[in-house]
């Protein structure tokens, strides 16, 4: 009888130990910890960038079997572009969408948006995939500590205002917002305007209160920022064709294992295709929507703008940057 009780006690203890071990492994042992990335950008939920970001996050989730979860924060809800870049370095954010603003760390990023450097979007794509694009990516990785994953081509930047601006002469005394890009300040000063740096999330209020009289951006951001409510004209300066990167912190990417890195890269390639298709079908609709909302598109003397900005471009770019600028002009 004593032997039977002893056997029963050992059996019960064994089963209890097995149960405890089973529960512990699911919480701390065999299953990999879920990696959570915060992805901040300046556009709204209806924007091409946001929709593509959602597709990218879904693809990453699928390809990593849920090991990487990406939460997206539109409308500068993690802070402005520069703030988010700094937050990634500090480890409180992980991903951002950024372009020429990165020249404040990596000088070669200035070439992503030099006025009148690119003829059209096909020219942009040629440069991104070529020697100049690779140089810019390397500079960003080294100096901004961010890894480009995929990119968006951008509709050309146009100047918005409440009075028609058809030639540089119309810019006299015109107060306008530009992003934190020194070259943009210089070329608009050379053209006769009074540019000032302002975060995009402050632009609507600045226009509404008359702090600035205009700003320059692609039509998608004019729409997503609701600028049609406070601006009447889109002046077709088309002064910048460019692209913008979707980036993750170097530290965050390096922390992934090899399979996870491969999955993120694959997801980025698929997101690139998704974003390109979305761009093509969206931009024309956006222009039509802005017209419907009361904005008038104005043809301008682009040659006059190009001519007046060129000396500022030459004087602002370093010799190395200007050499890259000439490579862009000659890229085919």
C-alpha atoms as a PDB file:
ATOM      1  CA  UNK A   1       0.000   0.000   0.000  1.00  0.00           C
ATOM      2  CA  UNK A   2       2.849   2.348   0.895  1.00  0.00           C
ATOM      3  CA  UNK A   3       4.541   1.524  -2.415  1.00  0.00           C
ATOM      4  CA  UNK A   4       1.324   2.365  -4.313  1.00  0.00           C
ATOM      5  CA  UNK A   5       1.031   5.755  -2.510  1.00  0.00           C
ATOM      6  CA  UNK A   6       4.682   6.506  -3.247  1.00  0.00           C
ATOM      7  CA  UNK A   7       4.220   5.647  -6.937  1.00  0.00           C
ATOM      8  CA  UNK A   8       1.065   7.814  -7.111  1.00  0.00           C
ATOM      9  CA  UNK A   9       2.922  10.724  -5.514  1.00  0.00           C
ATOM     10  CA  UNK A  10       5.837  10.461  -7.970  1.00  0.00           C
ATOM     11  CA  UNK A  11       3.435  10.252 -10.913  1.00  0.00           C
ATOM     12  CA  UNK A  12       1.506  13.344  -9.754  1.00  0.00           C
ATOM     13  CA  UNK A  13       4.715  15.315  -9.260  1.00  0.00           C
ATOM     14  CA  UNK A  14       5.975  14.298 -12.707  1.00  0.00           C
ATOM     15  CA  UNK A  15       2.737  15.421 -14.390  1.00  0.00           C
ATOM     16  CA  UNK A  16       2.778  18.724 -12.485  1.00  0.00           C
ATOM     17  CA  UNK A  17       6.391  19.383 -13.501  1.00  0.00           C
ATOM     18  CA  UNK A  18       5.613  18.601 -17.142  1.00  0.00           C
ATOM     19  CA  UNK A  19       2.657  20.979 -17.086  1.00  0.00           C
ATOM     20  CA  UNK A  20       4.779  23.768 -15.599  1.00  0.00           C
ATOM     21  CA  UNK A  21       7.542  23.269 -18.158  1.00  0.00           C
ATOM     22  CA  UNK A  22       5.023  23.310 -21.010  1.00  0.00           C
ATOM     23  CA  UNK A  23       3.511  26.655 -19.926  1.00  0.00           C
ATOM     24  CA  UNK A  24       6.907  28.309 -19.374  1.00  0.00           C
ATOM     25  CA  UNK A  25       8.323  27.526 -22.823  1.00  0.00           C
ATOM     26  CA  UNK A  26       5.500  29.277 -24.662  1.00  0.00           C
ATOM     27  CA  UNK A  27       6.121  32.505 -22.752  1.00  0.00           C
ATOM     28  CA  UNK A  28       9.890  32.665 -22.505  1.00  0.00           C
ATOM     29  CA  UNK A  29      11.622  29.781 -24.200  1.00  0.00           C
ATOM     30  CA  UNK A  30      11.126  28.270 -27.619  1.00  0.00           C
ATOM     31  CA  UNK A  31       8.987  30.938 -29.310  1.00  0.00           C
ATOM     32  CA  UNK A  32      10.845  33.968 -30.638  1.00  0.00           C
ATOM     33  CA  UNK A  33       9.943  37.300 -29.128  1.00  0.00           C
ATOM     34  CA  UNK A  34       7.741  39.516 -31.329  1.00  0.00           C
ATOM     35  CA  UNK A  35       9.658  42.530 -32.663  1.00  0.00           C
ATOM     36  CA  UNK A  36       7.569  45.711 -32.732  1.00  0.00           C
ATOM     37  CA  UNK A  37       8.541  48.599 -35.005  1.00  0.00           C
ATOM     38  CA  UNK A  38       7.064  52.104 -34.943  1.00  0.00           C
ATOM     39  CA  UNK A  39       6.842  53.714 -38.407  1.00  0.00           C
ATOM     40  CA  UNK A  40       6.145  57.462 -38.517  1.00  0.00           C
ATOM     41  CA  UNK A  41       5.496  59.680 -41.549  1.00  0.00           C
ATOM     42  CA  UNK A  42       3.952  63.055 -42.384  1.00  0.00           C
ATOM     43  CA  UNK A  43       1.136  62.122 -44.807  1.00  0.00           C
ATOM     44  CA  UNK A  44      -2.482  61.280 -43.950  1.00  0.00           C
ATOM     45  CA  UNK A  45      -4.226  57.887 -44.014  1.00  0.00           C
ATOM     46  CA  UNK A  46      -5.445  58.302 -47.610  1.00  0.00           C
ATOM     47  CA  UNK A  47      -2.005  59.061 -49.025  1.00  0.00           C
ATOM     48  CA  UNK A  48      -0.041  56.733 -51.333  1.00  0.00           C
ATOM     49  CA  UNK A  49       2.767  56.501 -48.759  1.00  0.00           C
ATOM     50  CA  UNK A  50       0.434  55.382 -45.994  1.00  0.00           C
ATOM     51  CA  UNK A  51      -1.415  52.825 -48.106  1.00  0.00           C
ATOM     52  CA  UNK A  52       1.885  51.381 -49.306  1.00  0.00           C
ATOM     53  CA  UNK A  53       3.199  51.358 -45.725  1.00  0.00           C
ATOM     54  CA  UNK A  54       0.148  49.333 -44.690  1.00  0.00           C
ATOM     55  CA  UNK A  55       0.837  46.866 -47.509  1.00  0.00           C
ATOM     56  CA  UNK A  56       4.502  46.645 -46.467  1.00  0.00           C
ATOM     57  CA  UNK A  57       3.571  46.017 -42.817  1.00  0.00           C
ATOM     58  CA  UNK A  58       1.135  43.292 -43.868  1.00  0.00           C
ATOM     59  CA  UNK A  59       3.760  41.625 -46.082  1.00  0.00           C
ATOM     60  CA  UNK A  60       6.377  41.727 -43.301  1.00  0.00           C
ATOM     61  CA  UNK A  61       3.899  40.195 -40.858  1.00  0.00           C
ATOM     62  CA  UNK A  62       3.076  37.433 -43.347  1.00  0.00           C
ATOM     63  CA  UNK A  63       6.660  36.682 -44.394  1.00  0.00           C
ATOM     64  CA  UNK A  64       7.959  36.530 -40.799  1.00  0.00           C
ATOM     65  CA  UNK A  65       5.013  34.490 -39.463  1.00  0.00           C
ATOM     66  CA  UNK A  66       4.104  37.360 -37.165  1.00  0.00           C
ATOM     67  CA  UNK A  67       7.613  37.770 -35.719  1.00  0.00           C
ATOM     68  CA  UNK A  68       7.762  41.447 -36.824  1.00  0.00           C
ATOM     69  CA  UNK A  69       4.801  43.753 -36.257  1.00  0.00           C
ATOM     70  CA  UNK A  70       4.888  47.273 -37.702  1.00  0.00           C
ATOM     71  CA  UNK A  71       2.625  49.989 -36.300  1.00  0.00           C
ATOM     72  CA  UNK A  72       2.205  52.993 -38.618  1.00  0.00           C
ATOM     73  CA  UNK A  73       1.812  56.552 -37.321  1.00  0.00           C
ATOM     74  CA  UNK A  74       0.674  58.997 -40.060  1.00  0.00           C
ATOM     75  CA  UNK A  75       0.148  62.781 -39.796  1.00  0.00           C
ATOM     76  CA  UNK A  76       3.454  63.401 -37.997  1.00  0.00           C
ATOM     77  CA  UNK A  77       1.964  61.740 -34.915  1.00  0.00           C
ATOM     78  CA  UNK A  78       5.457  60.599 -33.858  1.00  0.00           C
ATOM     79  CA  UNK A  79       6.755  64.131 -34.521  1.00  0.00           C
ATOM     80  CA  UNK A  80       8.096  65.854 -37.633  1.00  0.00           C
ATOM     81  CA  UNK A  81      10.472  64.204 -40.076  1.00  0.00           C
ATOM     82  CA  UNK A  82      13.629  65.369 -38.283  1.00  0.00           C
ATOM     83  CA  UNK A  83      12.151  64.478 -34.896  1.00  0.00           C
ATOM     84  CA  UNK A  84      11.394  60.938 -36.086  1.00  0.00           C
ATOM     85  CA  UNK A  85      14.897  60.473 -37.487  1.00  0.00           C
ATOM     86  CA  UNK A  86      16.307  61.529 -34.106  1.00  0.00           C
ATOM     87  CA  UNK A  87      13.838  59.216 -32.331  1.00  0.00           C
ATOM     88  CA  UNK A  88      15.060  56.261 -34.433  1.00  0.00           C
ATOM     89  CA  UNK A  89      18.622  56.940 -33.318  1.00  0.00           C
ATOM     90  CA  UNK A  90      17.380  57.134 -29.712  1.00  0.00           C
ATOM     91  CA  UNK A  91      15.451  53.859 -30.100  1.00  0.00           C
ATOM     92  CA  UNK A  92      11.951  55.279 -29.516  1.00  0.00           C
ATOM     93  CA  UNK A  93      10.936  54.919 -33.197  1.00  0.00           C
ATOM     94  CA  UNK A  94      12.116  52.556 -35.925  1.00  0.00           C
ATOM     95  CA  UNK A  95      11.028  53.669 -39.401  1.00  0.00           C
ATOM     96  CA  UNK A  96      10.465  56.925 -41.273  1.00  0.00           C
ATOM     97  CA  UNK A  97       9.840  58.317 -44.751  1.00  0.00           C
ATOM     98  CA  UNK A  98      12.463  60.916 -45.661  1.00  0.00           C
ATOM     99  CA  UNK A  99      14.247  62.448 -48.609  1.00  0.00           C
ATOM    100  CA  UNK A 100      16.349  65.546 -49.162  1.00  0.00           C
ATOM    101  CA  UNK A 101      15.960  66.567 -45.489  1.00  0.00           C
ATOM    102  CA  UNK A 102      18.626  63.931 -44.752  1.00  0.00           C
ATOM    103  CA  UNK A 103      21.251  66.163 -46.356  1.00  0.00           C
ATOM    104  CA  UNK A 104      21.528  67.799 -42.935  1.00  0.00           C
ATOM    105  CA  UNK A 105      23.420  64.597 -41.993  1.00  0.00           C
ATOM    106  CA  UNK A 106      24.409  63.124 -45.373  1.00  0.00           C
ATOM    107  CA  UNK A 107      25.377  65.799 -47.947  1.00  0.00           C
ATOM    108  CA  UNK A 108      24.812  63.509 -50.938  1.00  0.00           C
ATOM    109  CA  UNK A 109      21.092  63.308 -50.060  1.00  0.00           C
ATOM    110  CA  UNK A 110      20.835  66.894 -51.351  1.00  0.00           C
ATOM    111  CA  UNK A 111      20.977  65.407 -54.842  1.00  0.00           C
ATOM    112  CA  UNK A 112      17.592  63.750 -54.303  1.00  0.00           C
ATOM    113  CA  UNK A 113      15.846  67.063 -54.933  1.00  0.00           C
ATOM    114  CA  UNK A 114      18.019  69.582 -56.780  1.00  0.00           C
ATOM    115  CA  UNK A 115      15.799  72.063 -58.674  1.00  0.00           C
ATOM    116  CA  UNK A 116      15.589  71.347 -62.394  1.00  0.00           C
ATOM    117  CA  UNK A 117      18.030  68.409 -62.199  1.00  0.00           C
ATOM    118  CA  UNK A 118      15.528  65.769 -63.375  1.00  0.00           C
ATOM    119  CA  UNK A 119      13.602  65.858 -66.637  1.00  0.00           C
ATOM    120  CA  UNK A 120      10.788  63.541 -65.576  1.00  0.00           C
ATOM    121  CA  UNK A 121       9.999  60.515 -63.402  1.00  0.00           C
ATOM    122  CA  UNK A 122      11.681  58.040 -65.744  1.00  0.00           C
ATOM    123  CA  UNK A 123      14.878  60.064 -65.387  1.00  0.00           C
ATOM    124  CA  UNK A 124      14.461  59.853 -61.588  1.00  0.00           C
ATOM    125  CA  UNK A 125      14.113  56.052 -61.704  1.00  0.00           C
ATOM    126  CA  UNK A 126      17.226  55.767 -63.875  1.00  0.00           C
ATOM    127  CA  UNK A 127      19.239  57.753 -61.334  1.00  0.00           C
ATOM    128  CA  UNK A 128      17.893  55.886 -58.273  1.00  0.00           C
ATOM    129  CA  UNK A 129      18.912  52.546 -59.759  1.00  0.00           C
ATOM    130  CA  UNK A 130      22.277  53.785 -61.024  1.00  0.00           C
ATOM    131  CA  UNK A 131      25.635  54.921 -59.686  1.00  0.00           C
ATOM    132  CA  UNK A 132      24.375  58.163 -58.135  1.00  0.00           C
ATOM    133  CA  UNK A 133      21.534  56.371 -56.336  1.00  0.00           C
ATOM    134  CA  UNK A 134      23.953  53.846 -54.840  1.00  0.00           C
ATOM    135  CA  UNK A 135      26.263  56.636 -53.639  1.00  0.00           C
ATOM    136  CA  UNK A 136      23.356  58.415 -51.954  1.00  0.00           C
ATOM    137  CA  UNK A 137      22.169  55.211 -50.248  1.00  0.00           C
ATOM    138  CA  UNK A 138      25.673  54.524 -48.917  1.00  0.00           C
ATOM    139  CA  UNK A 139      25.945  58.072 -47.556  1.00  0.00           C
ATOM    140  CA  UNK A 140      22.567  57.739 -45.796  1.00  0.00           C
ATOM    141  CA  UNK A 141      23.488  54.390 -44.229  1.00  0.00           C
ATOM    142  CA  UNK A 142      26.812  55.691 -42.956  1.00  0.00           C
ATOM    143  CA  UNK A 143      25.823  59.171 -41.754  1.00  0.00           C
ATOM    144  CA  UNK A 144      22.091  59.131 -40.996  1.00  0.00           C
ATOM    145  CA  UNK A 145      22.281  55.567 -39.620  1.00  0.00           C
ATOM    146  CA  UNK A 146      19.224  54.573 -41.677  1.00  0.00           C
ATOM    147  CA  UNK A 147      18.806  51.742 -44.202  1.00  0.00           C
ATOM    148  CA  UNK A 148      16.670  52.493 -47.298  1.00  0.00           C
ATOM    149  CA  UNK A 149      14.146  49.700 -47.915  1.00  0.00           C
ATOM    150  CA  UNK A 150      12.101  50.993 -50.844  1.00  0.00           C
ATOM    151  CA  UNK A 151      11.296  54.368 -52.390  1.00  0.00           C
ATOM    152  CA  UNK A 152       8.450  56.429 -53.799  1.00  0.00           C
ATOM    153  CA  UNK A 153       8.803  58.620 -56.865  1.00  0.00           C
ATOM    154  CA  UNK A 154       7.136  61.933 -56.238  1.00  0.00           C
ATOM    155  CA  UNK A 155       4.922  64.133 -58.327  1.00  0.00           C
ATOM    156  CA  UNK A 156       6.820  67.329 -59.224  1.00  0.00           C
ATOM    157  CA  UNK A 157       6.931  70.059 -56.612  1.00  0.00           C
ATOM    158  CA  UNK A 158       4.729  73.033 -57.504  1.00  0.00           C
ATOM    159  CA  UNK A 159       4.318  76.417 -55.874  1.00  0.00           C
ATOM    160  CA  UNK A 160       0.928  77.245 -54.340  1.00  0.00           C
ATOM    161  CA  UNK A 161      -0.333  80.779 -53.686  1.00  0.00           C
ATOM    162  CA  UNK A 162      -3.384  83.019 -53.520  1.00  0.00           C
ATOM    163  CA  UNK A 163      -2.196  85.178 -56.430  1.00  0.00           C
ATOM    164  CA  UNK A 164      -0.977  83.809 -59.761  1.00  0.00           C
ATOM    165  CA  UNK A 165       2.792  83.424 -60.022  1.00  0.00           C
ATOM    166  CA  UNK A 166       3.856  83.022 -63.640  1.00  0.00           C
ATOM    167  CA  UNK A 167       7.398  84.447 -63.632  1.00  0.00           C
ATOM    168  CA  UNK A 168      10.103  85.079 -61.000  1.00  0.00           C
ATOM    169  CA  UNK A 169       9.098  88.770 -61.061  1.00  0.00           C
ATOM    170  CA  UNK A 170       5.815  87.770 -59.376  1.00  0.00           C
ATOM    171  CA  UNK A 171       7.759  86.475 -56.356  1.00  0.00           C
ATOM    172  CA  UNK A 172       8.881  89.891 -55.095  1.00  0.00           C
ATOM    173  CA  UNK A 173       8.137  90.028 -51.360  1.00  0.00           C
ATOM    174  CA  UNK A 174       6.386  86.628 -51.478  1.00  0.00           C
ATOM    175  CA  UNK A 175       6.697  84.834 -48.122  1.00  0.00           C
ATOM    176  CA  UNK A 176       6.727  81.059 -48.523  1.00  0.00           C
ATOM    177  CA  UNK A 177       7.440  77.883 -46.600  1.00  0.00           C
ATOM    178  CA  UNK A 178      10.225  75.493 -47.574  1.00  0.00           C
ATOM    179  CA  UNK A 179      11.345  72.285 -45.815  1.00  0.00           C
ATOM    180  CA  UNK A 180      14.582  72.226 -43.845  1.00  0.00           C
ATOM    181  CA  UNK A 181      16.726  72.033 -46.984  1.00  0.00           C
ATOM    182  CA  UNK A 182      19.406  74.750 -47.332  1.00  0.00           C
ATOM    183  CA  UNK A 183      19.403  74.530 -51.142  1.00  0.00           C
ATOM    184  CA  UNK A 184      15.654  75.242 -51.257  1.00  0.00           C
ATOM    185  CA  UNK A 185      16.182  78.381 -49.193  1.00  0.00           C
ATOM    186  CA  UNK A 186      18.939  79.564 -51.527  1.00  0.00           C
ATOM    187  CA  UNK A 187      17.157  78.983 -54.845  1.00  0.00           C
ATOM    188  CA  UNK A 188      13.912  80.645 -53.746  1.00  0.00           C
ATOM    189  CA  UNK A 189      15.847  83.606 -52.347  1.00  0.00           C
ATOM    190  CA  UNK A 190      17.641  83.856 -55.702  1.00  0.00           C
ATOM    191  CA  UNK A 191      14.275  83.795 -57.462  1.00  0.00           C
ATOM    192  CA  UNK A 192      13.092  86.795 -55.399  1.00  0.00           C
ATOM    193  CA  UNK A 193      10.917  85.170 -52.711  1.00  0.00           C
ATOM    194  CA  UNK A 194      11.218  85.264 -48.921  1.00  0.00           C
ATOM    195  CA  UNK A 195      11.435  81.574 -47.967  1.00  0.00           C
ATOM    196  CA  UNK A 196      11.356  80.319 -44.388  1.00  0.00           C
ATOM    197  CA  UNK A 197      11.814  76.831 -42.926  1.00  0.00           C
ATOM    198  CA  UNK A 198       8.723  75.296 -41.348  1.00  0.00           C
ATOM    199  CA  UNK A 199       7.633  71.735 -40.522  1.00  0.00           C
ATOM    200  CA  UNK A 200       4.870  70.486 -42.806  1.00  0.00           C
ATOM    201  CA  UNK A 201       2.465  70.031 -39.894  1.00  0.00           C
ATOM    202  CA  UNK A 202       2.623  73.828 -39.312  1.00  0.00           C
ATOM    203  CA  UNK A 203       1.992  74.842 -42.936  1.00  0.00           C
ATOM    204  CA  UNK A 204      -1.822  74.850 -42.950  1.00  0.00           C
ATOM    205  CA  UNK A 205      -2.006  77.096 -39.877  1.00  0.00           C
ATOM    206  CA  UNK A 206       0.781  79.315 -41.243  1.00  0.00           C
ATOM    207  CA  UNK A 207      -1.169  79.864 -44.472  1.00  0.00           C
ATOM    208  CA  UNK A 208      -4.462  80.293 -42.650  1.00  0.00           C
ATOM    209  CA  UNK A 209      -3.024  82.961 -40.344  1.00  0.00           C
ATOM    210  CA  UNK A 210      -1.056  84.732 -43.086  1.00  0.00           C
ATOM    211  CA  UNK A 211       2.348  83.943 -41.571  1.00  0.00           C
ATOM    212  CA  UNK A 212       3.279  82.700 -45.057  1.00  0.00           C
ATOM    213  CA  UNK A 213       1.679  83.402 -48.415  1.00  0.00           C
ATOM    214  CA  UNK A 214       2.479  80.093 -50.085  1.00  0.00           C
ATOM    215  CA  UNK A 215       4.466  76.876 -50.111  1.00  0.00           C
ATOM    216  CA  UNK A 216       5.808  74.308 -52.560  1.00  0.00           C
ATOM    217  CA  UNK A 217       5.006  70.601 -52.611  1.00  0.00           C
ATOM    218  CA  UNK A 218       3.786  67.801 -54.861  1.00  0.00           C
ATOM    219  CA  UNK A 219       0.021  67.669 -55.443  1.00  0.00           C
ATOM    220  CA  UNK A 220      -0.415  64.616 -53.203  1.00  0.00           C
ATOM    221  CA  UNK A 221       0.794  66.543 -50.161  1.00  0.00           C
ATOM    222  CA  UNK A 222      -1.178  69.628 -51.203  1.00  0.00           C
ATOM    223  CA  UNK A 223      -4.255  67.409 -51.114  1.00  0.00           C
ATOM    224  CA  UNK A 224      -3.468  65.385 -47.986  1.00  0.00           C
ATOM    225  CA  UNK A 225      -2.537  68.563 -46.099  1.00  0.00           C
ATOM    226  CA  UNK A 226      -5.886  70.154 -46.989  1.00  0.00           C
ATOM    227  CA  UNK A 227      -4.069  73.147 -48.506  1.00  0.00           C
ATOM    228  CA  UNK A 228      -6.875  73.638 -51.053  1.00  0.00           C
ATOM    229  CA  UNK A 229      -8.802  75.208 -48.178  1.00  0.00           C
ATOM    230  CA  UNK A 230      -6.252  78.021 -47.790  1.00  0.00           C
ATOM    231  CA  UNK A 231      -4.622  78.317 -51.262  1.00  0.00           C
ATOM    232  CA  UNK A 232      -6.166  79.178 -54.622  1.00  0.00           C
ATOM    233  CA  UNK A 233      -3.459  78.487 -57.222  1.00  0.00           C
ATOM    234  CA  UNK A 234      -1.094  75.648 -58.088  1.00  0.00           C
ATOM    235  CA  UNK A 235       1.609  77.310 -60.175  1.00  0.00           C
ATOM    236  CA  UNK A 236       3.237  74.622 -62.361  1.00  0.00           C
ATOM    237  CA  UNK A 237       6.862  75.441 -61.628  1.00  0.00           C
ATOM    238  CA  UNK A 238       7.626  71.684 -61.566  1.00  0.00           C
ATOM    239  CA  UNK A 239      10.957  72.781 -60.130  1.00  0.00           C
ATOM    240  CA  UNK A 240      11.764  69.454 -58.455  1.00  0.00           C
ATOM    241  CA  UNK A 241      11.207  65.889 -59.582  1.00  0.00           C
ATOM    242  CA  UNK A 242      12.468  63.611 -56.871  1.00  0.00           C
ATOM    243  CA  UNK A 243      12.069  60.464 -54.823  1.00  0.00           C
ATOM    244  CA  UNK A 244      11.741  59.718 -51.138  1.00  0.00           C
ATOM    245  CA  UNK A 245      12.937  56.697 -49.179  1.00  0.00           C
ATOM    246  CA  UNK A 246      11.195  54.430 -46.686  1.00  0.00           C
ATOM    247  CA  UNK A 247      13.903  53.742 -44.107  1.00  0.00           C
ATOM    248  CA  UNK A 248      14.567  51.680 -40.998  1.00  0.00           C
ATOM    249  CA  UNK A 249      17.240  52.321 -38.385  1.00  0.00           C
ATOM    250  CA  UNK A 250      20.513  50.514 -39.038  1.00  0.00           C
ATOM    251  CA  UNK A 251      20.492  49.174 -35.472  1.00  0.00           C
ATOM    252  CA  UNK A 252      16.937  47.899 -35.798  1.00  0.00           C
ATOM    253  CA  UNK A 253      17.661  46.131 -39.089  1.00  0.00           C
ATOM    254  CA  UNK A 254      20.946  44.661 -37.827  1.00  0.00           C
ATOM    255  CA  UNK A 255      19.124  43.234 -34.781  1.00  0.00           C
ATOM    256  CA  UNK A 256      17.090  40.918 -37.044  1.00  0.00           C
ATOM    257  CA  UNK A 257      18.263  37.416 -37.804  1.00  0.00           C
ATOM    258  CA  UNK A 258      19.168  36.496 -41.387  1.00  0.00           C
ATOM    259  CA  UNK A 259      15.747  35.055 -42.251  1.00  0.00           C
ATOM    260  CA  UNK A 260      13.959  38.104 -40.865  1.00  0.00           C
ATOM    261  CA  UNK A 261      16.209  40.482 -42.819  1.00  0.00           C
ATOM    262  CA  UNK A 262      15.535  38.499 -45.992  1.00  0.00           C
ATOM    263  CA  UNK A 263      11.778  38.667 -45.353  1.00  0.00           C
ATOM    264  CA  UNK A 264      11.867  42.452 -44.812  1.00  0.00           C
ATOM    265  CA  UNK A 265      13.847  42.967 -48.040  1.00  0.00           C
ATOM    266  CA  UNK A 266      11.415  40.771 -49.990  1.00  0.00           C
ATOM    267  CA  UNK A 267       8.448  42.649 -48.524  1.00  0.00           C
ATOM    268  CA  UNK A 268      10.094  45.951 -49.502  1.00  0.00           C
ATOM    269  CA  UNK A 269      10.496  44.821 -53.139  1.00  0.00           C
ATOM    270  CA  UNK A 270       6.825  43.875 -53.309  1.00  0.00           C
ATOM    271  CA  UNK A 271       5.806  47.138 -51.617  1.00  0.00           C
ATOM    272  CA  UNK A 272       7.839  49.013 -54.255  1.00  0.00           C
ATOM    273  CA  UNK A 273       5.752  47.477 -57.045  1.00  0.00           C
ATOM    274  CA  UNK A 274       2.526  48.140 -55.112  1.00  0.00           C
ATOM    275  CA  UNK A 275       3.465  51.791 -54.507  1.00  0.00           C
ATOM    276  CA  UNK A 276       4.459  52.403 -58.144  1.00  0.00           C
ATOM    277  CA  UNK A 277       1.108  51.099 -59.397  1.00  0.00           C
ATOM    278  CA  UNK A 278      -0.768  53.151 -56.803  1.00  0.00           C
ATOM    279  CA  UNK A 279       1.127  56.298 -57.824  1.00  0.00           C
ATOM    280  CA  UNK A 280       0.195  55.926 -61.492  1.00  0.00           C
ATOM    281  CA  UNK A 281      -3.516  55.604 -60.824  1.00  0.00           C
ATOM    282  CA  UNK A 282      -3.646  58.229 -58.078  1.00  0.00           C
ATOM    283  CA  UNK A 283      -1.853  61.410 -59.224  1.00  0.00           C
ATOM    284  CA  UNK A 284      -4.251  62.261 -62.066  1.00  0.00           C
ATOM    285  CA  UNK A 285      -7.195  61.747 -59.719  1.00  0.00           C
ATOM    286  CA  UNK A 286      -5.586  64.065 -57.177  1.00  0.00           C
ATOM    287  CA  UNK A 287      -5.189  66.892 -59.713  1.00  0.00           C
ATOM    288  CA  UNK A 288      -8.836  66.477 -60.736  1.00  0.00           C
ATOM    289  CA  UNK A 289      -9.882  66.523 -57.077  1.00  0.00           C
ATOM    290  CA  UNK A 290      -7.921  69.712 -56.357  1.00  0.00           C
ATOM    291  CA  UNK A 291      -9.552  71.416 -59.348  1.00  0.00           C
ATOM    292  CA  UNK A 292     -12.952  70.263 -58.129  1.00  0.00           C
ATOM    293  CA  UNK A 293     -12.150  71.770 -54.725  1.00  0.00           C
ATOM    294  CA  UNK A 294     -11.493  75.143 -56.368  1.00  0.00           C
ATOM    295  CA  UNK A 295      -7.761  75.214 -57.095  1.00  0.00           C
ATOM    296  CA  UNK A 296      -6.628  76.569 -60.441  1.00  0.00           C
ATOM    297  CA  UNK A 297      -3.497  75.208 -62.169  1.00  0.00           C
ATOM    298  CA  UNK A 298      -1.340  77.934 -63.719  1.00  0.00           C
ATOM    299  CA  UNK A 299       1.282  77.419 -66.447  1.00  0.00           C
ATOM    300  CA  UNK A 300       4.511  79.294 -65.708  1.00  0.00           C
ATOM    301  CA  UNK A 301       7.714  80.269 -67.502  1.00  0.00           C
ATOM    302  CA  UNK A 302       9.780  77.315 -66.263  1.00  0.00           C
ATOM    303  CA  UNK A 303      12.849  78.369 -68.264  1.00  0.00           C
ATOM    304  CA  UNK A 304      12.890  81.700 -66.425  1.00  0.00           C
ATOM    305  CA  UNK A 305      12.743  79.923 -63.053  1.00  0.00           C
ATOM    306  CA  UNK A 306      15.478  77.479 -64.095  1.00  0.00           C
ATOM    307  CA  UNK A 307      17.736  80.284 -65.291  1.00  0.00           C
ATOM    308  CA  UNK A 308      17.365  82.407 -62.160  1.00  0.00           C
ATOM    309  CA  UNK A 309      17.924  79.437 -59.804  1.00  0.00           C
ATOM    310  CA  UNK A 310      20.995  77.970 -61.524  1.00  0.00           C
ATOM    311  CA  UNK A 311      23.616  80.331 -60.010  1.00  0.00           C
ATOM    312  CA  UNK A 312      22.300  79.521 -56.501  1.00  0.00           C
ATOM    313  CA  UNK A 313      22.501  75.799 -57.281  1.00  0.00           C
ATOM    314  CA  UNK A 314      26.125  76.128 -58.424  1.00  0.00           C
ATOM    315  CA  UNK A 315      27.155  78.243 -55.437  1.00  0.00           C
ATOM    316  CA  UNK A 316      25.366  76.097 -52.829  1.00  0.00           C
ATOM    317  CA  UNK A 317      26.482  72.628 -53.915  1.00  0.00           C
ATOM    318  CA  UNK A 318      29.961  71.496 -52.901  1.00  0.00           C
ATOM    319  CA  UNK A 319      32.356  70.476 -55.703  1.00  0.00           C
ATOM    320  CA  UNK A 320      31.537  66.804 -54.992  1.00  0.00           C
ATOM    321  CA  UNK A 321      27.785  67.496 -55.014  1.00  0.00           C
ATOM    322  CA  UNK A 322      28.021  69.526 -58.219  1.00  0.00           C
ATOM    323  CA  UNK A 323      29.916  66.674 -59.896  1.00  0.00           C
ATOM    324  CA  UNK A 324      27.056  64.340 -58.937  1.00  0.00           C
ATOM    325  CA  UNK A 325      24.553  66.942 -60.179  1.00  0.00           C
ATOM    326  CA  UNK A 326      26.222  66.894 -63.589  1.00  0.00           C
ATOM    327  CA  UNK A 327      26.106  63.074 -63.583  1.00  0.00           C
ATOM    328  CA  UNK A 328      22.345  63.331 -63.003  1.00  0.00           C
ATOM    329  CA  UNK A 329      21.899  65.775 -65.884  1.00  0.00           C
ATOM    330  CA  UNK A 330      23.736  63.365 -68.194  1.00  0.00           C
ATOM    331  CA  UNK A 331      22.104  60.141 -66.951  1.00  0.00           C
ATOM    332  CA  UNK A 332      20.142  58.275 -69.655  1.00  0.00           C
END
